[in-house]
PDB file of N, CA and C in Angstrom:
ATOM      1  N   MET A   1       0.830  -1.184   0.009  1.00  0.00           N
ATOM      2  CA  MET A   1      -0.010   0.010  -0.010  1.00  0.00           C
ATOM      3  C   MET A   1       0.905   1.249   0.001  1.00  0.00           C
ATOM      4  N   GLN A   2       0.623   2.120  -0.918  1.00  0.00           N
ATOM      5  CA  GLN A   2       1.415   3.355  -0.976  1.00  0.00           C
ATOM      6  C   GLN A   2       0.663   4.453  -0.301  1.00  0.00           C
ATOM      7  N   LEU A   3       1.382   5.228   0.498  1.00  0.00           N
ATOM      8  CA  LEU A   3       0.760   6.305   1.261  1.00  0.00           C
ATOM      9  C   LEU A   3       0.789   7.590   0.458  1.00  0.00           C
ATOM     10  N   SER A   4      -0.276   8.286   0.479  1.00  0.00           N
ATOM     11  CA  SER A   4      -0.275   9.604  -0.158  1.00  0.00           C
ATOM     12  C   SER A   4       0.245  10.616   0.822  1.00  0.00           C
ATOM     13  N   ARG A   5       0.550  11.782   0.349  1.00  0.00           N
ATOM     14  CA  ARG A   5       1.093  12.818   1.226  1.00  0.00           C
ATOM     15  C   ARG A   5       0.136  13.150   2.382  1.00  0.00           C
ATOM     16  N   THR A   6      -1.122  13.003   2.208  1.00  0.00           N
ATOM     17  CA  THR A   6      -2.037  13.364   3.266  1.00  0.00           C
ATOM     18  C   THR A   6      -2.181  12.284   4.288  1.00  0.00           C
ATOM     19  N   ASP A   7      -1.567  11.100   4.063  1.00  0.00           N
ATOM     20  CA  ASP A   7      -1.613   9.995   5.062  1.00  0.00           C
ATOM     21  C   ASP A   7      -0.490  10.124   6.117  1.00  0.00           C
ATOM     22  N   LYS A   8       0.433  10.988   5.887  1.00  0.00           N
ATOM     23  CA  LYS A   8       1.585  11.114   6.813  1.00  0.00           C
ATOM     24  C   LYS A   8       1.314  12.312   7.748  1.00  0.00           C
ATOM     25  N   THR A   9       1.783  12.132   8.926  1.00  0.00           N
ATOM     26  CA  THR A   9       1.699  13.196   9.929  1.00  0.00           C
ATOM     27  C   THR A   9       2.953  14.025   9.840  1.00  0.00           C
ATOM     28  N   ILE A  10       2.803  15.327   9.722  1.00  0.00           N
ATOM     29  CA  ILE A  10       3.943  16.227   9.629  1.00  0.00           C
ATOM     30  C   ILE A  10       4.108  16.892  10.969  1.00  0.00           C
ATOM     31  N   LYS A  11       5.366  16.835  11.472  1.00  0.00           N
ATOM     32  CA  LYS A  11       5.660  17.509  12.742  1.00  0.00           C
ATOM     33  C   LYS A  11       6.023  18.960  12.438  1.00  0.00           C
ATOM     34  N   PHE A  12       5.464  19.810  13.220  1.00  0.00           N
ATOM     35  CA  PHE A  12       5.791  21.233  13.087  1.00  0.00           C
ATOM     36  C   PHE A  12       6.093  21.768  14.482  1.00  0.00           C
ATOM     37  N   SER A  13       7.235  22.413  14.618  1.00  0.00           N
ATOM     38  CA  SER A  13       7.639  22.971  15.876  1.00  0.00           C
ATOM     39  C   SER A  13       7.963  24.448  15.728  1.00  0.00           C
ATOM     40  N   THR A  14       7.394  25.244  16.622  1.00  0.00           N
ATOM     41  CA  THR A  14       7.685  26.667  16.570  1.00  0.00           C
ATOM     42  C   THR A  14       8.808  27.037  17.575  1.00  0.00           C
ATOM     43  N   ALA A  15       9.303  26.067  18.287  1.00  0.00           N
ATOM     44  CA  ALA A  15      10.310  26.320  19.333  1.00  0.00           C
ATOM     45  C   ALA A  15      11.571  26.996  18.712  1.00  0.00           C
ATOM     46  N   LYS A  16      12.012  26.478  17.578  1.00  0.00           N
ATOM     47  CA  LYS A  16      13.219  27.051  16.900  1.00  0.00           C
ATOM     48  C   LYS A  16      12.925  28.469  16.502  1.00  0.00           C
ATOM     49  N   LEU A  17      11.796  28.722  15.868  1.00  0.00           N
ATOM     50  CA  LEU A  17      11.469  30.064  15.455  1.00  0.00           C
ATOM     51  C   LEU A  17      11.312  31.016  16.641  1.00  0.00           C
ATOM     52  N   GLU A  18      10.732  30.539  17.687  1.00  0.00           N
ATOM     53  CA  GLU A  18      10.575  31.373  18.895  1.00  0.00           C
ATOM     54  C   GLU A  18      11.915  31.707  19.506  1.00  0.00           C
ATOM     55  N   LYS A  19      12.832  30.772  19.536  1.00  0.00           N
ATOM     56  CA  LYS A  19      14.178  30.974  20.036  1.00  0.00           C
ATOM     57  C   LYS A  19      14.928  32.007  19.211  1.00  0.00           C
ATOM     58  N   GLU A  20      14.821  31.864  17.906  1.00  0.00           N
ATOM     59  CA  GLU A  20      15.496  32.869  17.039  1.00  0.00           C
ATOM     60  C   GLU A  20      14.874  34.242  17.155  1.00  0.00           C
ATOM     61  N   LEU A  21      13.563  34.313  17.323  1.00  0.00           N
ATOM     62  CA  LEU A  21      12.910  35.642  17.525  1.00  0.00           C
ATOM     63  C   LEU A  21      13.355  36.236  18.846  1.00  0.00           C
ATOM     64  N   GLU A  22      13.469  35.424  19.883  1.00  0.00           N
ATOM     65  CA  GLU A  22      13.966  35.923  21.163  1.00  0.00           C
ATOM     66  C   GLU A  22      15.369  36.445  21.028  1.00  0.00           C
ATOM     67  N   MET A  23      16.258  35.749  20.328  1.00  0.00           N
ATOM     68  CA  MET A  23      17.615  36.221  20.087  1.00  0.00           C
ATOM     69  C   MET A  23      17.645  37.561  19.355  1.00  0.00           C
ATOM     70  N   LYS A  24      16.804  37.634  18.349  1.00  0.00           N
ATOM     71  CA  LYS A  24      16.747  38.897  17.580  1.00  0.00           C
ATOM     72  C   LYS A  24      16.231  40.048  18.476  1.00  0.00           C
ATOM     73  N   ASN A  25      15.245  39.837  19.259  1.00  0.00           N
ATOM     74  CA  ASN A  25      14.769  40.872  20.171  1.00  0.00           C
ATOM     75  C   ASN A  25      15.792  41.282  21.162  1.00  0.00           C
ATOM     76  N   ILE A  26      16.527  40.318  21.708  1.00  0.00           N
ATOM     77  CA  ILE A  26      17.603  40.654  22.648  1.00  0.00           C
ATOM     78  C   ILE A  26      18.697  41.459  21.956  1.00  0.00           C
ATOM     79  N   LEU A  27      19.166  40.996  20.824  1.00  0.00           N
ATOM     80  CA  LEU A  27      20.223  41.707  20.103  1.00  0.00           C
ATOM     81  C   LEU A  27      19.777  43.083  19.729  1.00  0.00           C
ATOM     82  N   THR A  28      18.542  43.286  19.342  1.00  0.00           N
ATOM     83  CA  THR A  28      18.021  44.584  18.949  1.00  0.00           C
ATOM     84  C   THR A  28      18.041  45.539  20.163  1.00  0.00           C
ATOM     85  N   SER A  29      17.604  44.980  21.312  1.00  0.00           N
ATOM     86  CA  SER A  29      17.583  45.784  22.517  1.00  0.00           C
ATOM     87  C   SER A  29      19.036  46.159  22.962  1.00  0.00           C
ATOM     88  N   VAL A  30      19.928  45.201  22.903  1.00  0.00           N
ATOM     89  CA  VAL A  30      21.337  45.474  23.269  1.00  0.00           C
ATOM     90  C   VAL A  30      21.923  46.484  22.279  1.00  0.00           C
ATOM     91  N   TYR A  31      21.666  46.291  21.018  1.00  0.00           N
ATOM     92  CA  TYR A  31      22.103  47.245  19.980  1.00  0.00           C
ATOM     93  C   TYR A  31      21.650  48.661  20.326  1.00  0.00           C
ATOM     94  N   ASN A  32      20.344  48.836  20.605  1.00  0.00           N
ATOM     95  CA  ASN A  32      19.794  50.153  20.891  1.00  0.00           C
ATOM     96  C   ASN A  32      20.413  50.733  22.137  1.00  0.00           C
ATOM     97  N   SER A  33      20.615  49.906  23.161  1.00  0.00           N
ATOM     98  CA  SER A  33      21.202  50.423  24.410  1.00  0.00           C
ATOM     99  C   SER A  33      22.646  50.913  24.203  1.00  0.00           C
ATOM    100  N   LEU A  34      23.400  50.158  23.419  1.00  0.00           N
ATOM    101  CA  LEU A  34      24.749  50.536  23.137  1.00  0.00           C
ATOM    102  C   LEU A  34      24.784  51.864  22.331  1.00  0.00           C
ATOM    103  N   LYS A  35      23.918  51.951  21.347  1.00  0.00           N
ATOM    104  CA  LYS A  35      23.829  53.159  20.524  1.00  0.00           C
ATOM    105  C   LYS A  35      23.447  54.386  21.353  1.00  0.00           C
ATOM    106  N   GLU A  36      22.485  54.225  22.248  1.00  0.00           N
ATOM    107  CA  GLU A  36      22.031  55.294  23.115  1.00  0.00           C
ATOM    108  C   GLU A  36      23.174  55.801  24.007  1.00  0.00           C
ATOM    109  N   LYS A  37      24.053  54.895  24.402  1.00  0.00           N
ATOM    110  CA  LYS A  37      25.166  55.284  25.277  1.00  0.00           C
ATOM    111  C   LYS A  37      26.372  55.794  24.471  1.00  0.00           C
ATOM    112  N   GLY A  38      26.249  55.856  23.162  1.00  0.00           N
ATOM    113  CA  GLY A  38      27.339  56.428  22.322  1.00  0.00           C
ATOM    114  C   GLY A  38      28.411  55.470  21.834  1.00  0.00           C
ATOM    115  N   TYR A  39      28.176  54.175  22.009  1.00  0.00           N
ATOM    116  CA  TYR A  39      29.137  53.135  21.545  1.00  0.00           C
ATOM    117  C   TYR A  39      28.818  52.802  20.097  1.00  0.00           C
ATOM    118  N   ASP A  40      29.785  52.160  19.456  1.00  0.00           N
ATOM    119  CA  ASP A  40      29.550  51.566  18.107  1.00  0.00           C
ATOM    120  C   ASP A  40      28.986  50.182  18.400  1.00  0.00           C
ATOM    121  N   PRO A  41      27.685  49.962  18.257  1.00  0.00           N
ATOM    122  CA  PRO A  41      27.018  48.732  18.671  1.00  0.00           C
ATOM    123  C   PRO A  41      27.581  47.441  17.958  1.00  0.00           C
ATOM    124  N   ILE A  42      27.862  47.592  16.683  1.00  0.00           N
ATOM    125  CA  ILE A  42      28.334  46.405  15.952  1.00  0.00           C
ATOM    126  C   ILE A  42      29.680  45.976  16.504  1.00  0.00           C
ATOM    127  N   ASN A  43      30.613  46.909  16.684  1.00  0.00           N
ATOM    128  CA  ASN A  43      31.928  46.561  17.226  1.00  0.00           C
ATOM    129  C   ASN A  43      31.837  45.940  18.645  1.00  0.00           C
ATOM    130  N   GLN A  44      30.959  46.521  19.434  1.00  0.00           N
ATOM    131  CA  GLN A  44      30.836  46.037  20.819  1.00  0.00           C
ATOM    132  C   GLN A  44      30.218  44.619  20.852  1.00  0.00           C
ATOM    133  N   ILE A  45      29.185  44.359  20.015  1.00  0.00           N
ATOM    134  CA  ILE A  45      28.577  43.064  19.985  1.00  0.00           C
ATOM    135  C   ILE A  45      29.556  42.025  19.417  1.00  0.00           C
ATOM    136  N   VAL A  46      30.265  42.369  18.389  1.00  0.00           N
ATOM    137  CA  VAL A  46      31.285  41.423  17.821  1.00  0.00           C
ATOM    138  C   VAL A  46      32.351  41.129  18.868  1.00  0.00           C
ATOM    139  N   GLY A  47      32.794  42.166  19.577  1.00  0.00           N
ATOM    140  CA  GLY A  47      33.782  41.947  20.616  1.00  0.00           C
ATOM    141  C   GLY A  47      33.272  41.006  21.677  1.00  0.00           C
ATOM    142  N   TYR A  48      31.986  41.146  22.023  1.00  0.00           N
ATOM    143  CA  TYR A  48      31.419  40.221  23.025  1.00  0.00           C
ATOM    144  C   TYR A  48      31.354  38.815  22.507  1.00  0.00           C
ATOM    145  N   ILE A  49      30.869  38.672  21.250  1.00  0.00           N
ATOM    146  CA  ILE A  49      30.695  37.352  20.655  1.00  0.00           C
ATOM    147  C   ILE A  49      32.035  36.621  20.593  1.00  0.00           C
ATOM    148  N   LEU A  50      33.080  37.329  20.147  1.00  0.00           N
ATOM    149  CA  LEU A  50      34.389  36.702  20.005  1.00  0.00           C
ATOM    150  C   LEU A  50      35.051  36.371  21.351  1.00  0.00           C
ATOM    151  N   SER A  51      34.857  37.147  22.338  1.00  0.00           N
ATOM    152  CA  SER A  51      35.558  36.973  23.608  1.00  0.00           C
ATOM    153  C   SER A  51      34.726  36.456  24.741  1.00  0.00           C
ATOM    154  N   GLU A  52      33.405  36.604  24.675  1.00  0.00           N
ATOM    155  CA  GLU A  52      32.466  36.305  25.752  1.00  0.00           C
ATOM    156  C   GLU A  52      32.730  37.194  26.971  1.00  0.00           C
ATOM    157  N   ASP A  53      33.380  38.295  26.756  1.00  0.00           N
ATOM    158  CA  ASP A  53      33.671  39.224  27.853  1.00  0.00           C
ATOM    159  C   ASP A  53      32.471  40.184  27.949  1.00  0.00           C
ATOM    160  N   PRO A  54      31.702  40.098  29.005  1.00  0.00           N
ATOM    161  CA  PRO A  54      30.488  40.905  29.104  1.00  0.00           C
ATOM    162  C   PRO A  54      30.734  42.410  29.241  1.00  0.00           C
ATOM    163  N   THR A  55      32.024  42.796  29.514  1.00  0.00           N
ATOM    164  CA  THR A  55      32.280  44.229  29.620  1.00  0.00           C
ATOM    165  C   THR A  55      32.211  44.970  28.283  1.00  0.00           C
ATOM    166  N   TYR A  56      32.128  44.249  27.234  1.00  0.00           N
ATOM    167  CA  TYR A  56      31.882  44.878  25.908  1.00  0.00           C
ATOM    168  C   TYR A  56      30.481  45.450  25.840  1.00  0.00           C
ATOM    169  N   ILE A  57      29.586  45.004  26.684  1.00  0.00           N
ATOM    170  CA  ILE A  57      28.188  45.412  26.657  1.00  0.00           C
ATOM    171  C   ILE A  57      27.870  46.247  27.855  1.00  0.00           C
ATOM    172  N   THR A  58      27.181  47.355  27.634  1.00  0.00           N
ATOM    173  CA  THR A  58      26.808  48.276  28.702  1.00  0.00           C
ATOM    174  C   THR A  58      25.798  47.606  29.642  1.00  0.00           C
ATOM    175  N   ASN A  59      25.773  48.096  30.888  1.00  0.00           N
ATOM    176  CA  ASN A  59      24.735  47.682  31.828  1.00  0.00           C
ATOM    177  C   ASN A  59      23.429  48.424  31.597  1.00  0.00           C
ATOM    178  N   TYR A  60      23.527  49.531  30.852  1.00  0.00           N
ATOM    179  CA  TYR A  60      22.382  50.374  30.588  1.00  0.00           C
ATOM    180  C   TYR A  60      21.186  49.568  30.056  1.00  0.00           C
ATOM    181  N   ASN A  61      20.034  49.804  30.587  1.00  0.00           N
ATOM    182  CA  ASN A  61      18.795  49.042  30.212  1.00  0.00           C
ATOM    183  C   ASN A  61      18.937  47.536  30.396  1.00  0.00           C
ATOM    184  N   ASN A  62      19.827  47.116  31.291  1.00  0.00           N
ATOM    185  CA  ASN A  62      20.018  45.678  31.583  1.00  0.00           C
ATOM    186  C   ASN A  62      20.539  44.903  30.384  1.00  0.00           C
ATOM    187  N   ALA A  63      21.227  45.631  29.478  1.00  0.00           N
ATOM    188  CA  ALA A  63      21.705  44.998  28.214  1.00  0.00           C
ATOM    189  C   ALA A  63      22.692  43.856  28.473  1.00  0.00           C
ATOM    190  N   ARG A  64      23.588  44.035  29.444  1.00  0.00           N
ATOM    191  CA  ARG A  64      24.573  43.009  29.742  1.00  0.00           C
ATOM    192  C   ARG A  64      23.942  41.717  30.200  1.00  0.00           C
ATOM    193  N   ALA A  65      22.942  41.829  31.067  1.00  0.00           N
ATOM    194  CA  ALA A  65      22.232  40.624  31.528  1.00  0.00           C
ATOM    195  C   ALA A  65      21.449  39.987  30.392  1.00  0.00           C
ATOM    196  N   LEU A  66      20.899  40.812  29.549  1.00  0.00           N
ATOM    197  CA  LEU A  66      20.127  40.284  28.414  1.00  0.00           C
ATOM    198  C   LEU A  66      20.982  39.467  27.471  1.00  0.00           C
ATOM    199  N   ILE A  67      22.098  40.022  27.074  1.00  0.00           N
ATOM    200  CA  ILE A  67      22.916  39.325  26.067  1.00  0.00           C
ATOM    201  C   ILE A  67      23.498  38.028  26.598  1.00  0.00           C
ATOM    202  N   ARG A  68      23.657  37.948  27.903  1.00  0.00           N
ATOM    203  CA  ARG A  68      24.155  36.683  28.493  1.00  0.00           C
ATOM    204  C   ARG A  68      23.116  35.580  28.460  1.00  0.00           C
ATOM    205  N   LYS A  69      21.870  35.887  28.117  1.00  0.00           N
ATOM    206  CA  LYS A  69      20.855  34.869  27.953  1.00  0.00           C
ATOM    207  C   LYS A  69      20.968  34.115  26.606  1.00  0.00           C
ATOM    208  N   ILE A  70      21.749  34.668  25.726  1.00  0.00           N
ATOM    209  CA  ILE A  70      21.909  34.074  24.394  1.00  0.00           C
ATOM    210  C   ILE A  70      23.119  33.143  24.402  1.00  0.00           C
ATOM    211  N   ASP A  71      22.930  31.926  23.911  1.00  0.00           N
ATOM    212  CA  ASP A  71      23.969  30.987  23.717  1.00  0.00           C
ATOM    213  C   ASP A  71      24.847  31.448  22.529  1.00  0.00           C
ATOM    214  N   ARG A  72      26.098  31.736  22.734  1.00  0.00           N
ATOM    215  CA  ARG A  72      26.897  32.326  21.662  1.00  0.00           C
ATOM    216  C   ARG A  72      27.030  31.376  20.452  1.00  0.00           C
ATOM    217  N   ASP A  73      27.155  30.105  20.705  1.00  0.00           N
ATOM    218  CA  ASP A  73      27.297  29.118  19.591  1.00  0.00           C
ATOM    219  C   ASP A  73      26.024  29.118  18.729  1.00  0.00           C
ATOM    220  N   GLU A  74      24.917  29.123  19.414  1.00  0.00           N
ATOM    221  CA  GLU A  74      23.630  29.161  18.669  1.00  0.00           C
ATOM    222  C   GLU A  74      23.484  30.458  17.915  1.00  0.00           C
ATOM    223  N   LEU A  75      23.877  31.575  18.519  1.00  0.00           N
ATOM    224  CA  LEU A  75      23.833  32.839  17.850  1.00  0.00           C
ATOM    225  C   LEU A  75      24.727  32.863  16.606  1.00  0.00           C
ATOM    226  N   MET A  76      25.917  32.318  16.703  1.00  0.00           N
ATOM    227  CA  MET A  76      26.793  32.248  15.552  1.00  0.00           C
ATOM    228  C   MET A  76      26.207  31.391  14.441  1.00  0.00           C
ATOM    229  N   ARG A  77      25.570  30.269  14.801  1.00  0.00           N
ATOM    230  CA  ARG A  77      24.906  29.422  13.825  1.00  0.00           C
ATOM    231  C   ARG A  77      23.808  30.175  13.099  1.00  0.00           C
ATOM    232  N   VAL A  78      22.991  30.888  13.838  1.00  0.00           N
ATOM    233  CA  VAL A  78      21.924  31.631  13.232  1.00  0.00           C
ATOM    234  C   VAL A  78      22.388  32.767  12.358  1.00  0.00           C
ATOM    235  N   LEU A  79      23.450  33.454  12.814  1.00  0.00           N
ATOM    236  CA  LEU A  79      23.990  34.568  12.045  1.00  0.00           C
ATOM    237  C   LEU A  79      24.630  34.106  10.723  1.00  0.00           C
ATOM    238  N   VAL A  80      25.411  32.997  10.791  1.00  0.00           N
ATOM    239  CA  VAL A  80      26.031  32.484   9.546  1.00  0.00           C
ATOM    240  C   VAL A  80      24.948  31.951   8.648  1.00  0.00           C
ATOM    241  N   THR A  81      24.003  31.232   9.170  1.00  0.00           N
ATOM    242  CA  THR A  81      22.880  30.743   8.282  1.00  0.00           C
ATOM    243  C   THR A  81      22.176  31.893   7.617  1.00  0.00           C
ATOM    244  N   SER A  82      21.871  32.893   8.392  1.00  0.00           N
ATOM    245  CA  SER A  82      21.170  34.081   7.836  1.00  0.00           C
ATOM    246  C   SER A  82      21.997  34.781   6.785  1.00  0.00           C
ATOM    247  N   TYR A  83      23.275  34.900   7.042  1.00  0.00           N
ATOM    248  CA  TYR A  83      24.153  35.594   6.089  1.00  0.00           C
ATOM    249  C   TYR A  83      24.251  34.841   4.768  1.00  0.00           C
ATOM    250  N   LEU A  84      24.262  33.516   4.853  1.00  0.00           N
ATOM    251  CA  LEU A  84      24.473  32.697   3.622  1.00  0.00           C
ATOM    252  C   LEU A  84      23.202  32.508   2.853  1.00  0.00           C
ATOM    253  N   GLN A  85      22.076  32.854   3.370  1.00  0.00           N
ATOM    254  CA  GLN A  85      20.816  32.619   2.680  1.00  0.00           C
ATOM    255  C   GLN A  85      20.498  33.723   1.738  1.00  0.00           C
TER     256      GLN A  85
END
């Protein structure tokens, strides 16, 4: 018996999308906080990603605590994937 496409159950998970959206929201918030304090946000975020040194990120608006919620390896995976698409 051959199954048609409608006979199979398709799994759909929003967990990955939700995680990526949360990362984007955190990065946007951190970016805005750095910019408001007069820093170059891109350089500061890259410095943090490369070194994991939280002092690259301001404490303003709780940005330092926020960025530490992001797994750096996962962030790099998402950034590279996004860049190459």
